[in-house]
Amino acid sequence: HRVRDQQRTIFDKHMSDLIALTAILKRSSTQEYVPPPATVSFMTTQFLFFACPTTIRKNDSRGEVVFEDGSFILEERDLSRWTKLVKHLLLPGILNSNLDLDPLIPWVESANGRKRK
């Protein structure tokens, strides 16, 4: 649990910096700051690591991976982090007309994204 709590602290610092940077750039420019997809991917992965711990049980006889019950339940203490992730990381790129900044495109091209197609 200590590692997850440390990652929460790091995530909060990164998010705070990102929000401050966005505010500074908004004052000096008419353009909206859109975090690069690599930043979005990194912080989303970090969030999923601490907020949605997964217990995996592998059934060797069938090669099947089973996720334990409750493995994807978001705790109340992480709800505000989830809101910030969506508002400040995901939505700016999704709503932007520049497809190079869309954080979903690199994900769709990843192994996990291809599984979801």
N, C-alpha and C. Protein backbone atom coordinates (compact mmCIF):
# COMPACT_ATOMS: atom_id res chain seq x y z
N HIS A 1 0.82 -1.20 0.00
CA HIS A 1 0.00 0.00 0.00
C HIS A 1 0.86 1.27 0.00
N ARG A 2 2.05 1.16 0.56
CA ARG A 2 2.91 2.34 0.64
C ARG A 2 3.30 2.84 -0.76
N VAL A 3 3.60 1.92 -1.66
CA VAL A 3 3.99 2.31 -3.02
C VAL A 3 2.81 3.01 -3.71
N ARG A 4 1.62 2.49 -3.53
CA ARG A 4 0.44 3.12 -4.13
C ARG A 4 0.23 4.53 -3.56
N ASP A 5 0.42 4.69 -2.26
CA ASP A 5 0.28 6.02 -1.66
C ASP A 5 1.35 6.99 -2.17
N GLN A 6 2.56 6.48 -2.36
CA GLN A 6 3.62 7.32 -2.93
C GLN A 6 3.25 7.75 -4.35
N GLN A 7 2.68 6.84 -5.12
CA GLN A 7 2.29 7.18 -6.48
C GLN A 7 1.14 8.19 -6.48
N ARG A 8 0.26 8.12 -5.51
CA ARG A 8 -0.81 9.13 -5.38
C ARG A 8 -0.19 10.51 -5.15
N THR A 9 0.80 10.58 -4.27
CA THR A 9 1.46 11.85 -3.97
C THR A 9 2.15 12.41 -5.21
N ILE A 10 2.85 11.56 -5.94
CA ILE A 10 3.52 11.99 -7.17
C ILE A 10 2.49 12.45 -8.20
N PHE A 11 1.42 11.68 -8.35
CA PHE A 11 0.35 12.05 -9.29
C PHE A 11 -0.23 13.42 -8.93
N ASP A 12 -0.50 13.63 -7.64
CA ASP A 12 -1.07 14.91 -7.20
C ASP A 12 -0.14 16.07 -7.53
N LYS A 13 1.16 15.87 -7.35
CA LYS A 13 2.15 16.92 -7.66
C LYS A 13 2.17 17.20 -9.16
N HIS A 14 2.21 16.15 -9.96
CA HIS A 14 2.20 16.32 -11.42
C HIS A 14 0.92 17.01 -11.89
N MET A 15 -0.20 16.61 -11.31
CA MET A 15 -1.48 17.21 -11.70
C MET A 15 -1.51 18.69 -11.31
N SER A 16 -1.02 18.99 -10.13
CA SER A 16 -0.97 20.39 -9.67
C SER A 16 -0.10 21.22 -10.61
N ASP A 17 1.05 20.69 -11.00
CA ASP A 17 1.93 21.38 -11.94
C ASP A 17 1.25 21.58 -13.29
N LEU A 18 0.56 20.57 -13.76
CA LEU A 18 -0.14 20.65 -15.05
C LEU A 18 -1.24 21.71 -15.01
N ILE A 19 -2.00 21.74 -13.94
CA ILE A 19 -3.08 22.73 -13.80
C ILE A 19 -2.48 24.14 -13.74
N ALA A 20 -1.37 24.31 -13.01
CA ALA A 20 -0.71 25.62 -12.92
C ALA A 20 -0.17 26.04 -14.28
N LEU A 21 0.46 25.12 -15.00
CA LEU A 21 0.98 25.42 -16.34
C LEU A 21 -0.15 25.83 -17.27
N THR A 22 -1.25 25.11 -17.24
CA THR A 22 -2.41 25.44 -18.07
C THR A 22 -2.91 26.84 -17.76
N ALA A 23 -2.99 27.20 -16.48
CA ALA A 23 -3.46 28.53 -16.09
C ALA A 23 -2.51 29.62 -16.57
N ILE A 24 -1.21 29.38 -16.45
CA ILE A 24 -0.21 30.37 -16.90
C ILE A 24 -0.31 30.57 -18.40
N LEU A 25 -0.38 29.48 -19.14
CA LEU A 25 -0.45 29.58 -20.59
C LEU A 25 -1.76 30.21 -21.06
N LYS A 26 -2.83 29.96 -20.32
CA LYS A 26 -4.13 30.53 -20.68
C LYS A 26 -4.11 32.05 -20.57
N ARG A 27 -3.38 32.57 -19.56
CA ARG A 27 -3.28 34.03 -19.39
C ARG A 27 -2.45 34.68 -20.48
N SER A 28 -1.48 33.95 -21.02
CA SER A 28 -0.57 34.55 -22.00
C SER A 28 -0.89 34.17 -23.44
N SER A 29 -1.91 33.38 -23.65
CA SER A 29 -2.24 32.93 -25.01
C SER A 29 -3.75 32.69 -25.11
N THR A 30 -4.23 32.77 -26.32
CA THR A 30 -5.65 32.49 -26.55
C THR A 30 -5.86 30.99 -26.78
N GLN A 31 -4.76 30.26 -27.04
CA GLN A 31 -4.87 28.83 -27.28
C GLN A 31 -4.95 28.05 -25.98
N GLU A 32 -5.71 27.00 -26.02
CA GLU A 32 -5.83 26.09 -24.88
C GLU A 32 -4.64 25.13 -24.88
N TYR A 33 -4.06 24.92 -23.71
CA TYR A 33 -2.95 23.96 -23.60
C TYR A 33 -3.51 22.55 -23.64
N VAL A 34 -2.90 21.72 -24.47
CA VAL A 34 -3.29 20.32 -24.57
C VAL A 34 -2.06 19.49 -24.21
N PRO A 35 -2.15 18.73 -23.11
CA PRO A 35 -1.01 17.90 -22.73
C PRO A 35 -0.68 16.89 -23.83
N PRO A 36 0.60 16.64 -24.05
CA PRO A 36 0.98 15.66 -25.08
C PRO A 36 0.49 14.26 -24.73
N PRO A 37 0.19 13.45 -25.74
CA PRO A 37 -0.31 12.09 -25.48
C PRO A 37 0.60 11.27 -24.57
N ALA A 38 1.92 11.47 -24.65
CA ALA A 38 2.83 10.70 -23.77
C ALA A 38 2.58 11.05 -22.31
N THR A 39 2.33 12.31 -22.01
CA THR A 39 2.03 12.73 -20.64
C THR A 39 0.71 12.14 -20.19
N VAL A 40 -0.27 12.19 -21.06
CA VAL A 40 -1.59 11.63 -20.75
C VAL A 40 -1.48 10.14 -20.49
N SER A 41 -0.76 9.45 -21.33
CA SER A 41 -0.60 8.00 -21.19
C SER A 41 0.10 7.66 -19.88
N PHE A 42 1.19 8.37 -19.59
CA PHE A 42 1.94 8.11 -18.36
C PHE A 42 1.08 8.33 -17.13
N MET A 43 0.39 9.46 -17.07
CA MET A 43 -0.39 9.79 -15.88
C MET A 43 -1.63 8.89 -15.76
N THR A 44 -2.20 8.49 -16.86
CA THR A 44 -3.34 7.57 -16.82
C THR A 44 -2.90 6.20 -16.31
N THR A 45 -1.76 5.74 -16.79
CA THR A 45 -1.22 4.46 -16.32
C THR A 45 -0.90 4.54 -14.83
N GLN A 46 -0.31 5.65 -14.42
CA GLN A 46 0.00 5.85 -13.00
C GLN A 46 -1.29 5.83 -12.16
N PHE A 47 -2.31 6.52 -12.65
CA PHE A 47 -3.59 6.55 -11.94
C PHE A 47 -4.16 5.14 -11.80
N LEU A 48 -4.17 4.40 -12.90
CA LEU A 48 -4.72 3.04 -12.86
C LEU A 48 -3.94 2.14 -11.91
N PHE A 49 -2.63 2.37 -11.81
CA PHE A 49 -1.80 1.57 -10.91
C PHE A 49 -2.24 1.74 -9.46
N PHE A 50 -2.43 3.00 -9.03
CA PHE A 50 -2.75 3.16 -7.62
C PHE A 50 -4.25 3.12 -7.33
N ALA A 51 -5.08 3.47 -8.29
CA ALA A 51 -6.51 3.58 -8.03
C ALA A 51 -7.28 2.29 -8.31
N CYS A 52 -6.78 1.48 -9.19
CA CYS A 52 -7.50 0.26 -9.58
C CYS A 52 -6.58 -0.95 -9.49
N PRO A 53 -6.12 -1.27 -8.29
CA PRO A 53 -5.25 -2.44 -8.18
C PRO A 53 -5.99 -3.69 -8.65
N THR A 54 -5.27 -4.51 -9.36
CA THR A 54 -5.90 -5.69 -9.95
C THR A 54 -5.29 -6.95 -9.36
N THR A 55 -6.14 -7.82 -8.91
CA THR A 55 -5.71 -9.13 -8.46
C THR A 55 -5.99 -10.10 -9.61
N ILE A 56 -4.94 -10.72 -10.09
CA ILE A 56 -5.10 -11.62 -11.23
C ILE A 56 -4.83 -13.05 -10.79
N ARG A 57 -5.70 -13.93 -11.20
CA ARG A 57 -5.53 -15.35 -10.94
C ARG A 57 -5.50 -16.02 -12.31
N LYS A 58 -4.46 -16.76 -12.58
CA LYS A 58 -4.36 -17.41 -13.88
C LYS A 58 -4.71 -18.88 -13.74
N ASN A 59 -5.63 -19.33 -14.58
CA ASN A 59 -6.03 -20.72 -14.61
C ASN A 59 -5.13 -21.41 -15.64
N ASP A 60 -4.12 -22.11 -15.15
CA ASP A 60 -3.12 -22.70 -16.04
C ASP A 60 -3.67 -23.76 -16.99
N SER A 61 -4.69 -24.48 -16.56
CA SER A 61 -5.19 -25.56 -17.41
C SER A 61 -5.80 -25.04 -18.70
N ARG A 62 -6.40 -23.84 -18.64
CA ARG A 62 -7.03 -23.28 -19.85
C ARG A 62 -6.30 -22.03 -20.35
N GLY A 63 -5.26 -21.59 -19.61
CA GLY A 63 -4.54 -20.38 -20.00
C GLY A 63 -5.38 -19.13 -19.84
N GLU A 64 -6.37 -19.22 -18.98
CA GLU A 64 -7.34 -18.13 -18.81
C GLU A 64 -6.91 -17.21 -17.66
N VAL A 65 -7.06 -15.92 -17.87
CA VAL A 65 -6.76 -14.95 -16.82
C VAL A 65 -8.08 -14.48 -16.23
N VAL A 66 -8.18 -14.54 -14.90
CA VAL A 66 -9.41 -14.16 -14.21
C VAL A 66 -9.10 -13.00 -13.27
N PHE A 67 -9.86 -11.94 -13.36
CA PHE A 67 -9.72 -10.82 -12.45
C PHE A 67 -10.61 -11.07 -11.24
N GLU A 68 -10.04 -10.91 -10.07
CA GLU A 68 -10.80 -11.13 -8.85
C GLU A 68 -11.89 -10.08 -8.70
N ASP A 69 -12.98 -10.43 -8.01
CA ASP A 69 -14.06 -9.48 -7.75
C ASP A 69 -13.53 -8.26 -7.02
N GLY A 70 -14.00 -7.11 -7.42
CA GLY A 70 -13.62 -5.86 -6.76
C GLY A 70 -12.31 -5.29 -7.23
N SER A 71 -11.69 -5.90 -8.21
CA SER A 71 -10.37 -5.43 -8.62
C SER A 71 -10.41 -4.10 -9.37
N PHE A 72 -11.55 -3.71 -9.88
CA PHE A 72 -11.64 -2.44 -10.61
C PHE A 72 -12.55 -1.44 -9.92
N ILE A 73 -12.75 -1.57 -8.63
CA ILE A 73 -13.61 -0.65 -7.91
C ILE A 73 -12.78 0.55 -7.46
N LEU A 74 -13.19 1.73 -7.88
CA LEU A 74 -12.49 2.96 -7.54
C LEU A 74 -12.85 3.38 -6.13
N GLU A 75 -11.84 3.67 -5.32
CA GLU A 75 -12.08 4.12 -3.95
C GLU A 75 -12.50 5.58 -3.94
N GLU A 76 -13.26 5.96 -2.95
CA GLU A 76 -13.75 7.33 -2.84
C GLU A 76 -12.62 8.35 -2.82
N ARG A 77 -11.50 8.02 -2.19
CA ARG A 77 -10.39 8.97 -2.10
C ARG A 77 -9.77 9.28 -3.46
N ASP A 78 -10.04 8.44 -4.47
CA ASP A 78 -9.47 8.67 -5.80
C ASP A 78 -10.46 9.30 -6.78
N LEU A 79 -11.68 9.54 -6.36
CA LEU A 79 -12.67 10.11 -7.28
C LEU A 79 -12.29 11.50 -7.78
N SER A 80 -11.77 12.36 -6.90
CA SER A 80 -11.37 13.70 -7.33
C SER A 80 -10.18 13.62 -8.28
N ARG A 81 -9.30 12.65 -8.06
CA ARG A 81 -8.17 12.47 -8.99
C ARG A 81 -8.68 12.04 -10.36
N TRP A 82 -9.66 11.15 -10.37
CA TRP A 82 -10.26 10.70 -11.64
C TRP A 82 -10.88 11.88 -12.38
N THR A 83 -11.60 12.73 -11.66
CA THR A 83 -12.22 13.90 -12.26
C THR A 83 -11.16 14.81 -12.88
N LYS A 84 -10.08 15.05 -12.16
CA LYS A 84 -9.00 15.90 -12.68
C LYS A 84 -8.34 15.26 -13.89
N LEU A 85 -8.16 13.95 -13.86
CA LEU A 85 -7.55 13.26 -14.99
C LEU A 85 -8.39 13.45 -16.24
N VAL A 86 -9.68 13.26 -16.11
CA VAL A 86 -10.57 13.42 -17.26
C VAL A 86 -10.58 14.88 -17.73
N LYS A 87 -10.77 15.81 -16.81
CA LYS A 87 -10.91 17.23 -17.16
C LYS A 87 -9.63 17.84 -17.71
N HIS A 88 -8.48 17.56 -17.08
CA HIS A 88 -7.24 18.25 -17.44
C HIS A 88 -6.32 17.46 -18.36
N LEU A 89 -6.51 16.15 -18.47
CA LEU A 89 -5.64 15.35 -19.32
C LEU A 89 -6.36 14.78 -20.54
N LEU A 90 -7.49 14.13 -20.32
CA LEU A 90 -8.15 13.45 -21.44
C LEU A 90 -8.95 14.39 -22.33
N LEU A 91 -9.84 15.16 -21.74
CA LEU A 91 -10.74 16.00 -22.56
C LEU A 91 -10.04 17.03 -23.44
N PRO A 92 -9.01 17.74 -22.97
CA PRO A 92 -8.38 18.73 -23.87
C PRO A 92 -7.90 18.12 -25.19
N GLY A 93 -7.33 16.93 -25.14
CA GLY A 93 -6.85 16.28 -26.37
C GLY A 93 -7.98 15.70 -27.20
N ILE A 94 -8.98 15.14 -26.54
CA ILE A 94 -10.11 14.55 -27.27
C ILE A 94 -10.92 15.64 -27.98
N LEU A 95 -11.10 16.78 -27.33
CA LEU A 95 -11.90 17.85 -27.89
C LEU A 95 -11.13 18.73 -28.88
N ASN A 96 -9.82 18.56 -28.95
CA ASN A 96 -8.99 19.37 -29.85
C ASN A 96 -9.10 18.83 -31.27
N SER A 97 -9.03 19.74 -32.24
CA SER A 97 -9.16 19.33 -33.64
C SER A 97 -7.87 18.69 -34.18
N ASN A 98 -6.75 18.87 -33.48
CA ASN A 98 -5.48 18.29 -33.90
C ASN A 98 -5.42 16.84 -33.44
N LEU A 99 -5.52 15.91 -34.38
CA LEU A 99 -5.53 14.49 -34.05
C LEU A 99 -4.22 14.01 -33.45
N ASP A 100 -3.12 14.74 -33.70
CA ASP A 100 -1.84 14.35 -33.10
C ASP A 100 -1.86 14.49 -31.58
N LEU A 101 -2.78 15.28 -31.06
CA LEU A 101 -2.88 15.49 -29.62
C LEU A 101 -3.96 14.65 -28.95
N ASP A 102 -4.67 13.86 -29.75
CA ASP A 102 -5.74 13.02 -29.20
C ASP A 102 -5.11 11.85 -28.44
N PRO A 103 -5.34 11.78 -27.12
CA PRO A 103 -4.70 10.73 -26.33
C PRO A 103 -5.25 9.33 -26.61
N LEU A 104 -6.39 9.24 -27.26
CA LEU A 104 -6.97 7.93 -27.52
C LEU A 104 -6.33 7.22 -28.70
N ILE A 105 -5.77 7.99 -29.64
CA ILE A 105 -5.18 7.37 -30.83
C ILE A 105 -3.99 6.47 -30.48
N PRO A 106 -3.01 6.94 -29.67
CA PRO A 106 -1.93 6.02 -29.30
C PRO A 106 -2.45 4.80 -28.52
N TRP A 107 -3.49 4.99 -27.71
CA TRP A 107 -4.03 3.87 -26.94
C TRP A 107 -4.66 2.85 -27.88
N VAL A 108 -5.42 3.31 -28.87
CA VAL A 108 -6.08 2.40 -29.82
C VAL A 108 -5.04 1.57 -30.56
N GLU A 109 -3.87 2.18 -30.81
CA GLU A 109 -2.81 1.48 -31.53
C GLU A 109 -1.99 0.57 -30.62
N SER A 110 -2.22 0.64 -29.30
CA SER A 110 -1.47 -0.20 -28.36
C SER A 110 -2.06 -1.61 -28.33
N ALA A 111 -1.36 -2.50 -27.64
CA ALA A 111 -1.85 -3.89 -27.52
C ALA A 111 -3.22 -3.93 -26.85
N ASN A 112 -3.39 -3.14 -25.78
CA ASN A 112 -4.68 -3.12 -25.08
C ASN A 112 -5.79 -2.53 -25.96
N GLY A 113 -5.46 -1.51 -26.72
CA GLY A 113 -6.44 -0.90 -27.61
C GLY A 113 -6.88 -1.86 -28.70
N ARG A 114 -5.92 -2.62 -29.24
CA ARG A 114 -6.27 -3.59 -30.28
C ARG A 114 -7.18 -4.68 -29.75
N LYS A 115 -7.03 -5.03 -28.47
CA LYS A 115 -7.92 -6.04 -27.87
C LYS A 115 -9.34 -5.54 -27.79
N ARG A 116 -9.52 -4.22 -27.66
CA ARG A 116 -10.85 -3.63 -27.48
C ARG A 116 -11.58 -3.41 -28.80
N LYS A 117 -10.88 -3.46 -29.93
CA LYS A 117 -11.50 -3.18 -31.23
C LYS A 117 -12.58 -4.18 -31.56
